[in-house]
Structure formats: C-alpha cells, structure tokens
PDB file of N, CA and C in Angstrom:
ATOM      1  N   UNK A   1     -54.180  60.360 -22.808  1.00  0.00           N
ATOM      2  CA  UNK A   1     -55.079  61.137 -22.168  1.00  0.00           C
ATOM      3  C   UNK A   1     -54.427  62.329 -21.246  1.00  0.00           C
ATOM      4  N   UNK A   2     -55.184  63.459 -20.922  1.00  0.00           N
ATOM      5  CA  UNK A   2     -54.343  64.349 -19.949  1.00  0.00           C
ATOM      6  C   UNK A   2     -53.929  63.823 -18.702  1.00  0.00           C
ATOM      7  N   UNK A   3     -54.761  63.039 -18.160  1.00  0.00           N
ATOM      8  CA  UNK A   3     -54.536  62.328 -16.864  1.00  0.00           C
ATOM      9  C   UNK A   3     -53.212  61.684 -16.843  1.00  0.00           C
ATOM     10  N   UNK A   4     -53.061  60.956 -18.132  1.00  0.00           N
ATOM     11  CA  UNK A   4     -51.889  60.066 -18.387  1.00  0.00           C
ATOM     12  C   UNK A   4     -50.657  61.017 -18.435  1.00  0.00           C
ATOM     13  N   UNK A   5     -50.730  61.853 -19.253  1.00  0.00           N
ATOM     14  CA  UNK A   5     -49.378  62.964 -19.502  1.00  0.00           C
ATOM     15  C   UNK A   5     -49.151  63.683 -18.153  1.00  0.00           C
ATOM     16  N   UNK A   6     -50.174  64.011 -17.331  1.00  0.00           N
ATOM     17  CA  UNK A   6     -49.679  64.590 -16.062  1.00  0.00           C
ATOM     18  C   UNK A   6     -49.072  63.746 -15.138  1.00  0.00           C
ATOM     19  N   UNK A   7     -49.618  62.431 -15.384  1.00  0.00           N
ATOM     20  CA  UNK A   7     -48.810  61.348 -14.326  1.00  0.00           C
ATOM     21  C   UNK A   7     -47.440  61.249 -14.726  1.00  0.00           C
ATOM     22  N   UNK A   8     -47.240  61.221 -15.925  1.00  0.00           N
ATOM     23  CA  UNK A   8     -45.756  61.024 -16.525  1.00  0.00           C
ATOM     24  C   UNK A   8     -44.977  62.406 -15.794  1.00  0.00           C
ATOM     25  N   UNK A   9     -45.607  63.576 -15.962  1.00  0.00           N
ATOM     26  CA  UNK A   9     -44.641  64.658 -15.600  1.00  0.00           C
ATOM     27  C   UNK A   9     -44.525  64.710 -13.895  1.00  0.00           C
ATOM     28  N   UNK A  10     -45.849  63.976 -13.470  1.00  0.00           N
ATOM     29  CA  UNK A  10     -45.595  63.910 -11.952  1.00  0.00           C
ATOM     30  C   UNK A  10     -44.595  63.048 -11.410  1.00  0.00           C
ATOM     31  N   UNK A  11     -44.222  61.872 -12.180  1.00  0.00           N
ATOM     32  CA  UNK A  11     -43.334  60.919 -11.735  1.00  0.00           C
ATOM     33  C   UNK A  11     -41.946  61.385 -11.906  1.00  0.00           C
ATOM     34  N   UNK A  12     -41.704  62.730 -12.711  1.00  0.00           N
ATOM     35  CA  UNK A  12     -40.329  63.290 -12.894  1.00  0.00           C
ATOM     36  C   UNK A  12     -40.254  64.628 -11.913  1.00  0.00           C
ATOM     37  N   UNK A  13     -41.372  65.025 -11.396  1.00  0.00           N
ATOM     38  CA  UNK A  13     -41.378  66.212 -10.581  1.00  0.00           C
ATOM     39  C   UNK A  13     -40.685  66.174  -9.400  1.00  0.00           C
ATOM     40  N   UNK A  14     -39.657  66.758  -9.091  1.00  0.00           N
ATOM     41  CA  UNK A  14     -38.963  66.499  -7.665  1.00  0.00           C
ATOM     42  C   UNK A  14     -40.027  66.686  -6.601  1.00  0.00           C
ATOM     43  N   UNK A  15     -40.859  67.638  -6.732  1.00  0.00           N
ATOM     44  CA  UNK A  15     -41.707  68.015  -5.273  1.00  0.00           C
ATOM     45  C   UNK A  15     -42.697  66.781  -5.045  1.00  0.00           C
ATOM     46  N   UNK A  16     -43.107  66.045  -6.242  1.00  0.00           N
ATOM     47  CA  UNK A  16     -43.997  64.960  -6.333  1.00  0.00           C
ATOM     48  C   UNK A  16     -43.067  63.716  -5.619  1.00  0.00           C
ATOM     49  N   UNK A  17     -41.951  63.443  -6.296  1.00  0.00           N
ATOM     50  CA  UNK A  17     -41.251  62.413  -5.873  1.00  0.00           C
ATOM     51  C   UNK A  17     -40.700  62.464  -4.349  1.00  0.00           C
ATOM     52  N   UNK A  18     -40.333  63.675  -4.058  1.00  0.00           N
ATOM     53  CA  UNK A  18     -40.018  63.949  -2.403  1.00  0.00           C
ATOM     54  C   UNK A  18     -41.295  63.550  -1.667  1.00  0.00           C
ATOM     55  N   UNK A  19     -42.410  63.963  -1.807  1.00  0.00           N
ATOM     56  CA  UNK A  19     -43.725  63.964  -1.218  1.00  0.00           C
ATOM     57  C   UNK A  19     -43.989  62.267  -1.216  1.00  0.00           C
ATOM     58  N   UNK A  20     -43.689  61.616  -2.412  1.00  0.00           N
ATOM     59  CA  UNK A  20     -44.113  60.307  -2.454  1.00  0.00           C
ATOM     60  C   UNK A  20     -43.056  59.415  -1.547  1.00  0.00           C
ATOM     61  N   UNK A  21     -41.798  60.071  -1.714  1.00  0.00           N
ATOM     62  CA  UNK A  21     -40.867  59.328  -1.042  1.00  0.00           C
ATOM     63  C   UNK A  21     -41.251  59.296   0.677  1.00  0.00           C
ATOM     64  N   UNK A  22     -41.410  60.524   0.970  1.00  0.00           N
ATOM     65  CA  UNK A  22     -41.698  60.706   2.636  1.00  0.00           C
ATOM     66  C   UNK A  22     -42.782  59.897   2.801  1.00  0.00           C
ATOM     67  N   UNK A  23     -43.907  59.760   2.091  1.00  0.00           N
ATOM     68  CA  UNK A  23     -45.098  59.104   2.508  1.00  0.00           C
ATOM     69  C   UNK A  23     -44.828  57.401   2.342  1.00  0.00           C
ATOM     70  N   UNK A  24     -44.010  57.176   1.556  1.00  0.00           N
ATOM     71  CA  UNK A  24     -43.687  55.553   1.569  1.00  0.00           C
ATOM     72  C   UNK A  24     -42.630  55.389   2.639  1.00  0.00           C
ATOM     73  N   UNK A  25     -41.693  56.172   2.941  1.00  0.00           N
ATOM     74  CA  UNK A  25     -40.852  55.903   4.138  1.00  0.00           C
ATOM     75  C   UNK A  25     -41.712  55.870   5.485  1.00  0.00           C
ATOM     76  N   UNK A  26     -42.707  56.917   5.543  1.00  0.00           N
ATOM     77  CA  UNK A  26     -43.501  56.630   6.787  1.00  0.00           C
ATOM     78  C   UNK A  26     -44.061  55.276   7.128  1.00  0.00           C
ATOM     79  N   UNK A  27     -44.602  54.790   5.923  1.00  0.00           N
ATOM     80  CA  UNK A  27     -45.161  53.521   5.781  1.00  0.00           C
ATOM     81  C   UNK A  27     -44.494  52.459   5.748  1.00  0.00           C
ATOM     82  N   UNK A  28     -43.049  52.554   5.442  1.00  0.00           N
ATOM     83  CA  UNK A  28     -42.294  51.269   5.236  1.00  0.00           C
ATOM     84  C   UNK A  28     -40.743  51.745   5.606  1.00  0.00           C
ATOM     85  N   UNK A  29     -40.407  52.224   6.859  1.00  0.00           N
ATOM     86  CA  UNK A  29     -39.207  52.889   7.054  1.00  0.00           C
ATOM     87  C   UNK A  29     -37.884  52.377   6.456  1.00  0.00           C
ATOM     88  N   UNK A  30     -37.837  50.732   6.221  1.00  0.00           N
ATOM     89  CA  UNK A  30     -36.474  50.480   5.751  1.00  0.00           C
ATOM     90  C   UNK A  30     -36.053  50.751   4.225  1.00  0.00           C
ATOM     91  N   UNK A  31     -37.284  51.526   3.539  1.00  0.00           N
ATOM     92  CA  UNK A  31     -36.877  51.916   2.239  1.00  0.00           C
ATOM     93  C   UNK A  31     -35.958  53.258   2.307  1.00  0.00           C
ATOM     94  N   UNK A  32     -35.133  53.128   1.497  1.00  0.00           N
ATOM     95  CA  UNK A  32     -34.252  54.447   1.172  1.00  0.00           C
ATOM     96  C   UNK A  32     -34.849  55.299   0.057  1.00  0.00           C
ATOM     97  N   UNK A  33     -34.505  56.516   0.000  1.00  0.00           N
ATOM     98  CA  UNK A  33     -34.679  57.319  -0.979  1.00  0.00           C
ATOM     99  C   UNK A  33     -34.584  56.665  -2.523  1.00  0.00           C
ATOM    100  N   UNK A  34     -33.552  56.469  -2.701  1.00  0.00           N
ATOM    101  CA  UNK A  34     -33.077  55.849  -4.064  1.00  0.00           C
ATOM    102  C   UNK A  34     -34.021  54.628  -4.317  1.00  0.00           C
ATOM    103  N   UNK A  35     -34.517  53.723  -3.336  1.00  0.00           N
ATOM    104  CA  UNK A  35     -35.338  52.777  -3.589  1.00  0.00           C
ATOM    105  C   UNK A  35     -36.837  53.456  -4.067  1.00  0.00           C
ATOM    106  N   UNK A  36     -37.264  54.682  -3.714  1.00  0.00           N
ATOM    107  CA  UNK A  36     -38.441  55.054  -4.011  1.00  0.00           C
ATOM    108  C   UNK A  36     -38.335  56.030  -5.385  1.00  0.00           C
ATOM    109  N   UNK A  37     -37.289  56.817  -5.360  1.00  0.00           N
ATOM    110  CA  UNK A  37     -37.316  57.761  -6.373  1.00  0.00           C
ATOM    111  C   UNK A  37     -36.914  57.154  -7.572  1.00  0.00           C
ATOM    112  N   UNK A  38     -35.884  56.104  -7.766  1.00  0.00           N
ATOM    113  CA  UNK A  38     -35.364  55.532  -8.989  1.00  0.00           C
ATOM    114  C   UNK A  38     -36.651  54.742  -9.666  1.00  0.00           C
ATOM    115  N   UNK A  39     -37.079  53.894  -9.066  1.00  0.00           N
ATOM    116  CA  UNK A  39     -38.369  53.256  -9.879  1.00  0.00           C
ATOM    117  C   UNK A  39     -39.317  54.113 -10.394  1.00  0.00           C
ATOM    118  N   UNK A  40     -39.686  55.237  -9.956  1.00  0.00           N
ATOM    119  CA  UNK A  40     -40.719  56.172 -10.411  1.00  0.00           C
ATOM    120  C   UNK A  40     -40.025  56.884 -11.333  1.00  0.00           C
ATOM    121  N   UNK A  41     -38.793  57.302 -11.457  1.00  0.00           N
ATOM    122  CA  UNK A  41     -38.136  57.710 -12.691  1.00  0.00           C
ATOM    123  C   UNK A  41     -38.011  56.764 -13.689  1.00  0.00           C
ATOM    124  N   UNK A  42     -37.864  55.703 -13.371  1.00  0.00           N
ATOM    125  CA  UNK A  42     -37.628  54.552 -14.593  1.00  0.00           C
ATOM    126  C   UNK A  42     -39.011  54.461 -15.010  1.00  0.00           C
ATOM    127  N   UNK A  43     -39.939  54.303 -14.333  1.00  0.00           N
ATOM    128  CA  UNK A  43     -41.287  54.198 -14.841  1.00  0.00           C
ATOM    129  C   UNK A  43     -41.652  55.246 -16.034  1.00  0.00           C
ATOM    130  N   UNK A  44     -41.257  56.865 -15.418  1.00  0.00           N
ATOM    131  CA  UNK A  44     -41.571  57.766 -16.303  1.00  0.00           C
ATOM    132  C   UNK A  44     -40.966  57.707 -17.603  1.00  0.00           C
ATOM    133  N   UNK A  45     -39.759  56.925 -17.615  1.00  0.00           N
ATOM    134  CA  UNK A  45     -38.972  56.973 -18.850  1.00  0.00           C
ATOM    135  C   UNK A  45     -39.672  55.899 -19.781  1.00  0.00           C
ATOM    136  N   UNK A  46     -40.383  55.053 -19.259  1.00  0.00           N
ATOM    137  CA  UNK A  46     -40.909  54.106 -20.069  1.00  0.00           C
ATOM    138  C   UNK A  46     -42.334  53.975 -20.359  1.00  0.00           C
ATOM    139  N   UNK A  47     -43.066  55.167 -19.762  1.00  0.00           N
ATOM    140  CA  UNK A  47     -44.413  55.430 -19.665  1.00  0.00           C
ATOM    141  C   UNK A  47     -44.960  55.018 -21.133  1.00  0.00           C
ATOM    142  N   UNK A  48     -44.518  55.803 -22.149  1.00  0.00           N
ATOM    143  CA  UNK A  48     -45.139  55.897 -23.550  1.00  0.00           C
ATOM    144  C   UNK A  48     -45.293  54.369 -23.996  1.00  0.00           C
ATOM    145  N   UNK A  49     -44.143  53.604 -23.548  1.00  0.00           N
ATOM    146  CA  UNK A  49     -44.133  52.057 -24.116  1.00  0.00           C
ATOM    147  C   UNK A  49     -44.871  51.047 -23.395  1.00  0.00           C
ATOM    148  N   UNK A  50     -45.707  51.597 -22.297  1.00  0.00           N
ATOM    149  CA  UNK A  50     -46.745  50.624 -21.499  1.00  0.00           C
ATOM    150  C   UNK A  50     -47.846  50.554 -22.590  1.00  0.00           C
ATOM    151  N   UNK A  51     -48.682  49.458 -22.419  1.00  0.00           N
ATOM    152  CA  UNK A  51     -49.938  49.283 -23.059  1.00  0.00           C
ATOM    153  C   UNK A  51     -50.761  50.128 -22.323  1.00  0.00           C
ATOM    154  N   UNK A  52     -51.872  50.617 -23.001  1.00  0.00           N
ATOM    155  CA  UNK A  52     -52.764  51.460 -22.483  1.00  0.00           C
ATOM    156  C   UNK A  52     -53.569  51.002 -21.384  1.00  0.00           C
ATOM    157  N   UNK A  53     -53.875  49.709 -21.344  1.00  0.00           N
ATOM    158  CA  UNK A  53     -54.745  49.044 -20.097  1.00  0.00           C
ATOM    159  C   UNK A  53     -53.758  49.306 -18.946  1.00  0.00           C
ATOM    160  N   UNK A  54     -52.238  48.962 -19.092  1.00  0.00           N
ATOM    161  CA  UNK A  54     -51.182  49.105 -17.811  1.00  0.00           C
ATOM    162  C   UNK A  54     -51.298  50.524 -17.279  1.00  0.00           C
ATOM    163  N   UNK A  55     -51.204  51.597 -18.401  1.00  0.00           N
ATOM    164  CA  UNK A  55     -51.233  52.888 -18.095  1.00  0.00           C
ATOM    165  C   UNK A  55     -52.516  53.327 -17.315  1.00  0.00           C
ATOM    166  N   UNK A  56     -53.538  52.796 -17.806  1.00  0.00           N
ATOM    167  CA  UNK A  56     -55.032  53.026 -17.026  1.00  0.00           C
ATOM    168  C   UNK A  56     -55.058  52.447 -15.729  1.00  0.00           C
ATOM    169  N   UNK A  57     -54.319  51.353 -15.409  1.00  0.00           N
ATOM    170  CA  UNK A  57     -54.367  50.667 -14.184  1.00  0.00           C
ATOM    171  C   UNK A  57     -53.664  51.512 -13.137  1.00  0.00           C
ATOM    172  N   UNK A  58     -52.501  52.151 -13.742  1.00  0.00           N
ATOM    173  CA  UNK A  58     -51.711  53.066 -12.966  1.00  0.00           C
ATOM    174  C   UNK A  58     -52.257  54.131 -12.502  1.00  0.00           C
ATOM    175  N   UNK A  59     -52.879  54.731 -13.833  1.00  0.00           N
ATOM    176  CA  UNK A  59     -53.630  56.132 -13.292  1.00  0.00           C
ATOM    177  C   UNK A  59     -54.673  55.871 -12.203  1.00  0.00           C
ATOM    178  N   UNK A  60     -55.442  54.738 -12.373  1.00  0.00           N
ATOM    179  CA  UNK A  60     -56.473  54.332 -11.335  1.00  0.00           C
ATOM    180  C   UNK A  60     -55.760  54.170 -10.079  1.00  0.00           C
ATOM    181  N   UNK A  61     -54.803  53.614  -9.868  1.00  0.00           N
ATOM    182  CA  UNK A  61     -54.191  53.343  -8.585  1.00  0.00           C
ATOM    183  C   UNK A  61     -53.532  54.699  -7.917  1.00  0.00           C
ATOM    184  N   UNK A  62     -53.301  55.528  -8.765  1.00  0.00           N
ATOM    185  CA  UNK A  62     -52.634  56.529  -8.338  1.00  0.00           C
ATOM    186  C   UNK A  62     -53.491  57.993  -8.194  1.00  0.00           C
ATOM    187  N   UNK A  63     -54.423  58.091  -8.734  1.00  0.00           N
ATOM    188  CA  UNK A  63     -55.414  59.290  -8.916  1.00  0.00           C
ATOM    189  C   UNK A  63     -56.731  58.855  -8.041  1.00  0.00           C
ATOM    190  N   UNK A  64     -57.071  59.614  -7.129  1.00  0.00           N
ATOM    191  CA  UNK A  64     -58.203  59.633  -6.428  1.00  0.00           C
ATOM    192  C   UNK A  64     -59.350  60.098  -7.151  1.00  0.00           C
ATOM    193  N   UNK A  65     -59.057  61.267  -7.493  1.00  0.00           N
ATOM    194  CA  UNK A  65     -60.126  62.088  -8.379  1.00  0.00           C
ATOM    195  C   UNK A  65     -59.370  63.249  -8.928  1.00  0.00           C
ATOM    196  N   UNK A  66     -60.353  63.777 -10.002  1.00  0.00           N
ATOM    197  CA  UNK A  66     -59.636  65.171 -10.564  1.00  0.00           C
ATOM    198  C   UNK A  66     -60.753  66.195 -10.405  1.00  0.00           C
ATOM    199  N   UNK A  67     -60.241  67.118 -10.046  1.00  0.00           N
ATOM    200  CA  UNK A  67     -61.292  68.425  -9.904  1.00  0.00           C
ATOM    201  C   UNK A  67     -61.078  69.577 -10.698  1.00  0.00           C
ATOM    202  N   UNK A  68     -62.177  69.810 -11.525  1.00  0.00           N
ATOM    203  CA  UNK A  68     -61.959  70.673 -12.856  1.00  0.00           C
ATOM    204  C   UNK A  68     -62.981  71.934 -12.433  1.00  0.00           C
ATOM    205  N   UNK A  69     -62.228  73.023 -12.494  1.00  0.00           N
ATOM    206  CA  UNK A  69     -62.803  74.364 -12.347  1.00  0.00           C
ATOM    207  C   UNK A  69     -62.737  75.242 -13.630  1.00  0.00           C
ATOM    208  N   UNK A  70     -63.227  76.294 -13.723  1.00  0.00           N
ATOM    209  CA  UNK A  70     -62.956  77.063 -14.885  1.00  0.00           C
ATOM    210  C   UNK A  70     -61.623  77.359 -15.040  1.00  0.00           C
ATOM    211  N   UNK A  71     -60.849  77.713 -14.099  1.00  0.00           N
ATOM    212  CA  UNK A  71     -59.404  78.137 -14.198  1.00  0.00           C
ATOM    213  C   UNK A  71     -58.509  76.929 -13.956  1.00  0.00           C
ATOM    214  N   UNK A  72     -58.946  75.802 -13.262  1.00  0.00           N
ATOM    215  CA  UNK A  72     -57.788  74.760 -13.011  1.00  0.00           C
ATOM    216  C   UNK A  72     -58.207  73.636 -13.225  1.00  0.00           C
ATOM    217  N   UNK A  73     -57.260  72.582 -13.132  1.00  0.00           N
ATOM    218  CA  UNK A  73     -57.452  71.250 -13.207  1.00  0.00           C
ATOM    219  C   UNK A  73     -56.564  70.650 -11.962  1.00  0.00           C
ATOM    220  N   UNK A  74     -57.151  70.097 -11.169  1.00  0.00           N
ATOM    221  CA  UNK A  74     -56.421  69.605  -9.878  1.00  0.00           C
ATOM    222  C   UNK A  74     -56.523  68.011  -9.580  1.00  0.00           C
ATOM    223  N   UNK A  75     -55.525  67.398  -9.353  1.00  0.00           N
ATOM    224  CA  UNK A  75     -55.372  65.966  -9.361  1.00  0.00           C
ATOM    225  C   UNK A  75     -55.265  65.750  -7.921  1.00  0.00           C
ATOM    226  N   UNK A  76     -56.053  64.849  -7.128  1.00  0.00           N
ATOM    227  CA  UNK A  76     -55.873  64.436  -5.701  1.00  0.00           C
ATOM    228  C   UNK A  76     -55.385  63.159  -5.973  1.00  0.00           C
ATOM    229  N   UNK A  77     -54.029  63.079  -5.265  1.00  0.00           N
ATOM    230  CA  UNK A  77     -53.502  61.760  -5.321  1.00  0.00           C
ATOM    231  C   UNK A  77     -53.777  60.749  -4.367  1.00  0.00           C
ATOM    232  N   UNK A  78     -53.570  59.402  -4.572  1.00  0.00           N
ATOM    233  CA  UNK A  78     -53.918  58.450  -3.800  1.00  0.00           C
ATOM    234  C   UNK A  78     -52.700  57.767  -3.040  1.00  0.00           C
ATOM    235  N   UNK A  79     -52.386  58.329  -1.813  1.00  0.00           N
ATOM    236  CA  UNK A  79     -51.278  58.014  -1.207  1.00  0.00           C
ATOM    237  C   UNK A  79     -51.031  56.454  -1.291  1.00  0.00           C
ATOM    238  N   UNK A  80     -52.046  55.804  -0.828  1.00  0.00           N
ATOM    239  CA  UNK A  80     -51.884  54.378  -0.745  1.00  0.00           C
ATOM    240  C   UNK A  80     -51.389  53.597  -1.981  1.00  0.00           C
ATOM    241  N   UNK A  81     -52.072  54.165  -3.110  1.00  0.00           N
ATOM    242  CA  UNK A  81     -51.545  53.883  -4.320  1.00  0.00           C
ATOM    243  C   UNK A  81     -50.159  53.994  -4.804  1.00  0.00           C
ATOM    244  N   UNK A  82     -49.613  55.207  -4.408  1.00  0.00           N
ATOM    245  CA  UNK A  82     -48.223  55.420  -4.531  1.00  0.00           C
ATOM    246  C   UNK A  82     -47.256  54.431  -3.772  1.00  0.00           C
ATOM    247  N   UNK A  83     -47.762  54.113  -2.537  1.00  0.00           N
ATOM    248  CA  UNK A  83     -47.071  53.090  -1.860  1.00  0.00           C
ATOM    249  C   UNK A  83     -47.203  51.797  -2.524  1.00  0.00           C
ATOM    250  N   UNK A  84     -48.247  51.272  -3.025  1.00  0.00           N
ATOM    251  CA  UNK A  84     -48.507  50.260  -3.814  1.00  0.00           C
ATOM    252  C   UNK A  84     -47.666  50.219  -5.137  1.00  0.00           C
ATOM    253  N   UNK A  85     -47.489  51.275  -5.743  1.00  0.00           N
ATOM    254  CA  UNK A  85     -46.739  51.270  -7.049  1.00  0.00           C
ATOM    255  C   UNK A  85     -45.537  51.247  -6.776  1.00  0.00           C
ATOM    256  N   UNK A  86     -44.744  52.053  -5.843  1.00  0.00           N
ATOM    257  CA  UNK A  86     -43.414  51.856  -5.327  1.00  0.00           C
ATOM    258  C   UNK A  86     -43.048  50.200  -5.258  1.00  0.00           C
ATOM    259  N   UNK A  87     -43.955  49.744  -4.304  1.00  0.00           N
ATOM    260  CA  UNK A  87     -43.691  48.172  -4.016  1.00  0.00           C
ATOM    261  C   UNK A  87     -43.786  47.425  -5.186  1.00  0.00           C
ATOM    262  N   UNK A  88     -44.475  47.795  -6.215  1.00  0.00           N
ATOM    263  CA  UNK A  88     -44.493  46.928  -7.362  1.00  0.00           C
ATOM    264  C   UNK A  88     -43.279  46.995  -8.104  1.00  0.00           C
ATOM    265  N   UNK A  89     -42.500  48.356  -8.056  1.00  0.00           N
ATOM    266  CA  UNK A  89     -41.522  48.806  -8.971  1.00  0.00           C
ATOM    267  C   UNK A  89     -40.020  48.295  -8.032  1.00  0.00           C
ATOM    268  N   UNK A  90     -39.979  48.092  -6.966  1.00  0.00           N
ATOM    269  CA  UNK A  90     -38.927  47.954  -6.196  1.00  0.00           C
ATOM    270  C   UNK A  90     -37.938  46.730  -7.039  1.00  0.00           C
ATOM    271  N   UNK A  91     -36.614  46.721  -6.643  1.00  0.00           N
ATOM    272  CA  UNK A  91     -35.836  45.733  -7.111  1.00  0.00           C
ATOM    273  C   UNK A  91     -36.369  44.493  -6.501  1.00  0.00           C
ATOM    274  N   UNK A  92     -36.028  43.403  -7.367  1.00  0.00           N
ATOM    275  CA  UNK A  92     -36.448  42.030  -6.936  1.00  0.00           C
ATOM    276  C   UNK A  92     -37.708  41.745  -6.971  1.00  0.00           C
ATOM    277  N   UNK A  93     -38.554  42.546  -7.585  1.00  0.00           N
ATOM    278  CA  UNK A  93     -40.082  42.263  -7.881  1.00  0.00           C
ATOM    279  C   UNK A  93     -40.210  42.116  -9.462  1.00  0.00           C
ATOM    280  N   UNK A  94     -41.325  41.711  -9.890  1.00  0.00           N
ATOM    281  CA  UNK A  94     -41.513  41.254 -11.312  1.00  0.00           C
ATOM    282  C   UNK A  94     -41.493  42.732 -12.136  1.00  0.00           C
ATOM    283  N   UNK A  95     -42.202  43.770 -11.252  1.00  0.00           N
ATOM    284  CA  UNK A  95     -42.280  44.832 -11.966  1.00  0.00           C
ATOM    285  C   UNK A  95     -40.949  45.811 -12.062  1.00  0.00           C
ATOM    286  N   UNK A  96     -40.157  45.591 -11.058  1.00  0.00           N
ATOM    287  CA  UNK A  96     -38.697  46.155 -10.994  1.00  0.00           C
ATOM    288  C   UNK A  96     -37.841  45.404 -12.064  1.00  0.00           C
ATOM    289  N   UNK A  97     -38.014  44.240 -12.283  1.00  0.00           N
ATOM    290  CA  UNK A  97     -37.256  43.406 -13.357  1.00  0.00           C
ATOM    291  C   UNK A  97     -37.686  43.668 -14.821  1.00  0.00           C
ATOM    292  N   UNK A  98     -38.889  43.793 -14.944  1.00  0.00           N
ATOM    293  CA  UNK A  98     -39.536  44.270 -16.353  1.00  0.00           C
ATOM    294  C   UNK A  98     -38.989  45.659 -16.664  1.00  0.00           C
ATOM    295  N   UNK A  99     -38.829  46.685 -15.542  1.00  0.00           N
ATOM    296  CA  UNK A  99     -38.395  47.826 -16.079  1.00  0.00           C
ATOM    297  C   UNK A  99     -37.005  48.103 -16.456  1.00  0.00           C
ATOM    298  N   UNK A 100     -36.101  46.948 -15.598  1.00  0.00           N
ATOM    299  CA  UNK A 100     -34.954  46.843 -15.816  1.00  0.00           C
ATOM    300  C   UNK A 100     -34.716  46.309 -17.275  1.00  0.00           C
ATOM    301  N   UNK A 101     -35.312  45.557 -17.711  1.00  0.00           N
ATOM    302  CA  UNK A 101     -35.421  44.719 -19.002  1.00  0.00           C
ATOM    303  C   UNK A 101     -35.696  45.777 -20.219  1.00  0.00           C
ATOM    304  N   UNK A 102     -36.597  46.692 -19.992  1.00  0.00           N
ATOM    305  CA  UNK A 102     -36.953  47.707 -20.783  1.00  0.00           C
ATOM    306  C   UNK A 102     -35.925  48.869 -21.106  1.00  0.00           C
ATOM    307  N   UNK A 103     -35.403  49.116 -19.812  1.00  0.00           N
ATOM    308  CA  UNK A 103     -34.099  50.159 -19.937  1.00  0.00           C
ATOM    309  C   UNK A 103     -33.081  49.546 -20.672  1.00  0.00           C
ATOM    310  N   UNK A 104     -32.652  48.451 -20.439  1.00  0.00           N
ATOM    311  CA  UNK A 104     -31.532  47.736 -21.007  1.00  0.00           C
ATOM    312  C   UNK A 104     -31.841  47.737 -22.636  1.00  0.00           C
ATOM    313  N   UNK A 105     -33.177  47.253 -22.898  1.00  0.00           N
ATOM    314  CA  UNK A 105     -33.590  47.263 -24.479  1.00  0.00           C
ATOM    315  C   UNK A 105     -33.335  48.508 -24.950  1.00  0.00           C
ATOM    316  N   UNK A 106     -33.769  49.675 -24.342  1.00  0.00           N
ATOM    317  CA  UNK A 106     -33.647  50.906 -24.747  1.00  0.00           C
ATOM    318  C   UNK A 106     -32.302  51.427 -24.905  1.00  0.00           C
ATOM    319  N   UNK A 107     -31.380  51.087 -24.040  1.00  0.00           N
ATOM    320  CA  UNK A 107     -30.039  51.592 -24.049  1.00  0.00           C
ATOM    321  C   UNK A 107     -29.167  50.728 -25.381  1.00  0.00           C
ATOM    322  N   UNK A 108     -29.595  49.718 -25.737  1.00  0.00           N
ATOM    323  CA  UNK A 108     -29.053  48.951 -26.761  1.00  0.00           C
ATOM    324  C   UNK A 108     -29.727  49.351 -28.092  1.00  0.00           C
ATOM    325  N   UNK A 109     -30.907  49.920 -28.203  1.00  0.00           N
ATOM    326  CA  UNK A 109     -31.477  50.292 -29.323  1.00  0.00           C
ATOM    327  C   UNK A 109     -30.978  51.503 -30.187  1.00  0.00           C
TER     328      UNK A 109
END
C-alpha cells in the first residue's frame, strides 16, 4: 500500500528519525540516540519480510491520519505510536530479538 511504502521511507529518512528520537527522548530520557535510531533502521530493512498483518498494525500504530488534496498527500504521524514502536524494538525485548534474528538470517543468506 502507499502508506506502507511511505512508512518504510520514513523509517530511513534522517529528518523523521531525528524527530522521533527527540520525541522519544523527551518521554524516556535514558534512551540514547542509537537506542532509538538503530531499531527504526533495522525495521526499515526487514519491512518487506513482515507479514501484511504486522505491517498494517505498525501503520495503524504510527499514522494518525492521511490528508489528501489535489496536489499533495500528507501523513500525520502519531507521536505516541512512534514511542511505543521504539519501545517494542529496543534491545532485550521480543521485538528487538526478532529483528536481530532476521538481520542475522539475511546476513548468512
């Protein structure tokens, strides 16, 4: 879906990851920038391998609404959703461990 591809691009965009990092660090100050940015980049790398249901769950978690005009398509992001996703993907969580396993499998393939 277009939202899915835009989300994957957003996970890699420096301005988005920087904004997410700032928002998450305001909510949870002990997090470092790598603890926020690296899981987002890892997710972008495995995005296409996720089941459609998981992609949809993440899209719904992160996107508040999509505004379509004649000239543009604007995505309004859900800040709390980004914080929740980063929490899911942190090291020593099941999400973080699954991403690490997928990365290792891709590296050996």
